[in-house]
Structures are given as C-alpha cells and as structure tokens.
C-alpha cells in the first residue's frame, strides 16, 4: 500500500541526497567492512563478520524504505495552491485565544517538520486544525491538555 507524501523542492532534494549517500557511500563501505572481517579468519567464530553482516542488513532495509518513500513522493505545485486558506507551505500567524500569545508557523509535510525553525507538520494536531482555515477564523484544536482556540491572523507564502 503506497503512502503518498508531499514535499517542497528543498525537501525532495534532501531526500534524494540522503538516498544517494546511502547507496553510493554507505553501501560500498558496508561491503568493504564485510570483506575486511572475512579476511580475519574463521567465519563461524568471527563476531566482527557477524556485526558487519547485520549492519549491512539494516542498511539495506533503510535504503529499501527510503526508495519506497522517494517513489511515493510528490512535489507540491505552489502555483495551484489557494492563497486565502492555510494549506501546506502556508506561513500562518495565529493568536492563542486563552493567553493572547502570537505564534507563526509554516505548515509542511511530516518529513520536513522542524519546530526549532517554525515548521510544523500538517499531520500534527495544530497543523491539522489550521488546514483549510482563512484569516479571521478560529481553529479549535484538541490536544492532550484539552481544547485550544487559535485565531488565524495572517496567511502568507514564502
């Protein structure tokens, strides 16, 4: 079952670079580690060889998963997005109705989320609650603590 993920051009480029690094640098290194361990003697009592084989298996599994993610990745066509609503790639300025605090978040795909740089996933509770909202609307978002109310103050594109 394919799981389509949407990426910005930057996010898709990072994904491709990471996959290329795993295939072109880490994979040959794993093979070299196995060869070096094999040269050290009896394979039945060679823990280094077993560890290298296990590491190679984990690497191949990671490459396989990343290839699947990349195959199901879709580039977001920003020209087709409605600028009046909060969507993926929207920069949304919100105001907490309870304490009056204002915050600005950029809504991104789950794999690109980085709270430190103000990027939240559209699959997070706040991201889901903001999707489709327009300026002036109140987003009621259920979080583990209860319900938060945020007023959408501004929606922009970067």
Protein backbone atom coordinates (compact mmCIF):
# COMPACT_ATOMS: atom_id res chain seq x y z
CA UNK A 1 0.00 0.00 0.00
CA UNK A 2 1.62 3.23 -1.13
CA UNK A 3 1.72 6.21 1.16
CA UNK A 4 1.98 9.39 -0.92
CA UNK A 5 3.90 12.21 0.77
CA UNK A 6 4.11 15.78 -0.46
CA UNK A 7 7.40 17.65 -0.45
CA UNK A 8 8.73 21.06 -1.24
CA UNK A 9 11.50 21.19 -3.83
CA UNK A 10 14.02 21.60 -0.98
CA UNK A 11 12.64 18.64 0.97
CA UNK A 12 12.60 16.39 -2.10
CA UNK A 13 16.19 17.35 -2.90
CA UNK A 14 17.30 16.47 0.68
CA UNK A 15 15.53 13.11 0.46
CA UNK A 16 17.25 12.32 -2.85
CA UNK A 17 20.67 13.37 -1.50
CA UNK A 18 20.27 11.17 1.59
CA UNK A 19 19.22 8.19 -0.54
CA UNK A 20 22.18 8.74 -2.89
CA UNK A 21 24.56 8.94 0.08
CA UNK A 22 23.27 5.66 1.49
CA UNK A 23 23.59 3.90 -1.87
CA UNK A 24 26.88 5.36 -3.10
CA UNK A 25 28.89 5.80 0.10
CA UNK A 26 27.43 3.73 2.94
CA UNK A 27 26.64 0.62 0.85
CA UNK A 28 30.20 0.21 -0.55
CA UNK A 29 31.63 0.87 2.93
CA UNK A 30 29.44 -1.92 4.39
CA UNK A 31 30.67 -4.32 1.70
CA UNK A 32 34.26 -3.33 2.45
CA UNK A 33 33.71 -3.91 6.19
CA UNK A 34 32.41 -7.41 5.45
CA UNK A 35 35.40 -8.18 3.21
CA UNK A 36 37.85 -7.00 5.87
CA UNK A 37 36.13 -9.08 8.56
CA UNK A 38 36.08 -12.13 6.26
CA UNK A 39 39.85 -11.83 5.78
CA UNK A 40 40.38 -12.17 9.53
CA UNK A 41 39.76 -15.89 9.55
CA UNK A 42 37.17 -18.48 10.57
CA UNK A 43 33.67 -17.10 9.90
CA UNK A 44 31.98 -19.36 12.46
CA UNK A 45 33.78 -17.60 15.33
CA UNK A 46 34.13 -14.14 13.80
CA UNK A 47 31.96 -11.64 15.71
CA UNK A 48 33.25 -8.79 13.56
CA UNK A 49 31.94 -10.53 10.44
CA UNK A 50 28.54 -11.15 12.05
CA UNK A 51 28.30 -7.49 13.12
CA UNK A 52 29.25 -6.28 9.64
CA UNK A 53 26.63 -8.55 8.03
CA UNK A 54 23.97 -7.32 10.46
CA UNK A 55 24.90 -3.68 9.79
CA UNK A 56 24.66 -4.35 6.07
CA UNK A 57 21.19 -5.86 6.52
CA UNK A 58 19.99 -2.83 8.47
CA UNK A 59 21.45 -0.50 5.83
CA UNK A 60 19.72 -2.39 3.01
CA UNK A 61 16.43 -2.22 4.91
CA UNK A 62 16.83 1.55 5.36
CA UNK A 63 17.67 2.01 1.67
CA UNK A 64 14.61 -0.02 0.71
CA UNK A 65 12.32 2.10 2.91
CA UNK A 66 13.80 5.34 1.59
CA UNK A 67 13.40 4.17 -2.00
CA UNK A 68 9.73 3.49 -1.28
CA UNK A 69 9.29 6.94 0.30
CA UNK A 70 11.04 8.58 -2.66
CA UNK A 71 8.95 6.62 -5.17
CA UNK A 72 5.78 7.86 -3.45
CA UNK A 73 7.00 11.44 -3.00
CA UNK A 74 5.16 14.17 -4.87
CA UNK A 75 6.37 17.72 -5.45
CA UNK A 76 3.92 20.39 -4.33
CA UNK A 77 2.89 22.68 -7.19
CA UNK A 78 2.73 26.01 -5.40
CA UNK A 79 1.01 27.72 -8.34
CA UNK A 80 -2.09 25.56 -7.74
CA UNK A 81 -2.49 26.42 -4.05
CA UNK A 82 -5.33 28.63 -2.77
CA UNK A 83 -3.63 31.59 -1.08
CA UNK A 84 -6.65 32.53 1.05
CA UNK A 85 -6.60 29.33 3.12
CA UNK A 86 -4.00 27.68 5.34
CA UNK A 87 -2.51 24.82 3.30
CA UNK A 88 0.82 23.03 3.00
CA UNK A 89 3.60 25.65 2.65
CA UNK A 90 1.44 28.37 4.20
CA UNK A 91 3.06 30.58 6.80
CA UNK A 92 0.30 31.07 9.37
CA UNK A 93 0.32 33.66 12.14
CA UNK A 94 -2.02 32.63 14.95
CA UNK A 95 -3.11 34.04 18.29
CA UNK A 96 -3.89 31.83 21.27
CA UNK A 97 -7.35 32.93 22.48
CA UNK A 98 -6.59 31.88 26.07
CA UNK A 99 -3.34 33.73 26.76
CA UNK A 100 -3.09 36.15 23.82
CA UNK A 101 0.26 34.74 22.68
CA UNK A 102 1.03 35.09 18.96
CA UNK A 103 2.99 32.47 17.02
CA UNK A 104 3.94 31.96 13.40
CA UNK A 105 4.28 28.51 11.86
CA UNK A 106 4.94 27.20 8.39
CA UNK A 107 2.84 24.14 7.56
CA UNK A 108 4.98 21.45 5.91
CA UNK A 109 4.97 17.73 5.14
CA UNK A 110 5.64 15.46 8.12
CA UNK A 111 9.16 14.62 6.98
CA UNK A 112 10.15 18.31 6.79
CA UNK A 113 8.78 19.34 10.19
CA UNK A 114 11.25 21.19 12.43
CA UNK A 115 9.77 23.07 15.37
CA UNK A 116 13.01 24.98 16.03
CA UNK A 117 12.71 26.67 12.64
CA UNK A 118 8.95 27.17 12.98
CA UNK A 119 7.92 24.35 10.63
CA UNK A 120 5.11 22.12 11.86
CA UNK A 121 3.67 19.05 10.21
CA UNK A 122 0.23 19.15 8.63
CA UNK A 123 -0.37 15.83 10.40
CA UNK A 124 0.27 17.29 13.88
CA UNK A 125 -2.80 18.31 15.92
CA UNK A 126 -2.15 22.04 15.41
CA UNK A 127 -1.29 21.56 11.73
CA UNK A 128 -4.48 19.55 11.11
CA UNK A 129 -6.54 22.14 12.96
CA UNK A 130 -5.17 25.01 10.88
CA UNK A 131 -5.58 23.35 7.48
CA UNK A 132 -8.29 24.98 5.40
CA UNK A 133 -8.78 27.92 7.77
CA UNK A 134 -8.93 31.51 6.49
CA UNK A 135 -7.85 34.78 8.11
CA UNK A 136 -10.20 35.67 10.96
CA UNK A 137 -11.39 32.10 11.58
CA UNK A 138 -10.99 30.40 14.95
CA UNK A 139 -9.37 26.96 14.89
CA UNK A 140 -10.46 24.74 17.78
CA UNK A 141 -7.74 22.14 18.25
CA UNK A 142 -8.00 19.15 20.56
CA UNK A 143 -4.70 18.41 22.29
CA UNK A 144 -3.93 16.10 25.24
CA UNK A 145 -4.46 19.06 27.63
CA UNK A 146 -7.93 19.84 26.26
CA UNK A 147 -9.09 22.21 23.53
CA UNK A 148 -7.02 25.18 22.34
CA UNK A 149 -8.53 28.03 20.35
CA UNK A 150 -6.36 29.87 17.87
CA UNK A 151 -7.42 32.84 15.76
CA UNK A 152 -5.83 32.93 12.31
CA UNK A 153 -4.32 36.42 11.96
CA UNK A 154 -2.38 36.14 8.72
CA UNK A 155 -1.62 33.66 5.95
CA UNK A 156 1.35 34.18 3.64
CA UNK A 157 3.58 32.21 1.28
CA UNK A 158 7.36 32.17 1.48
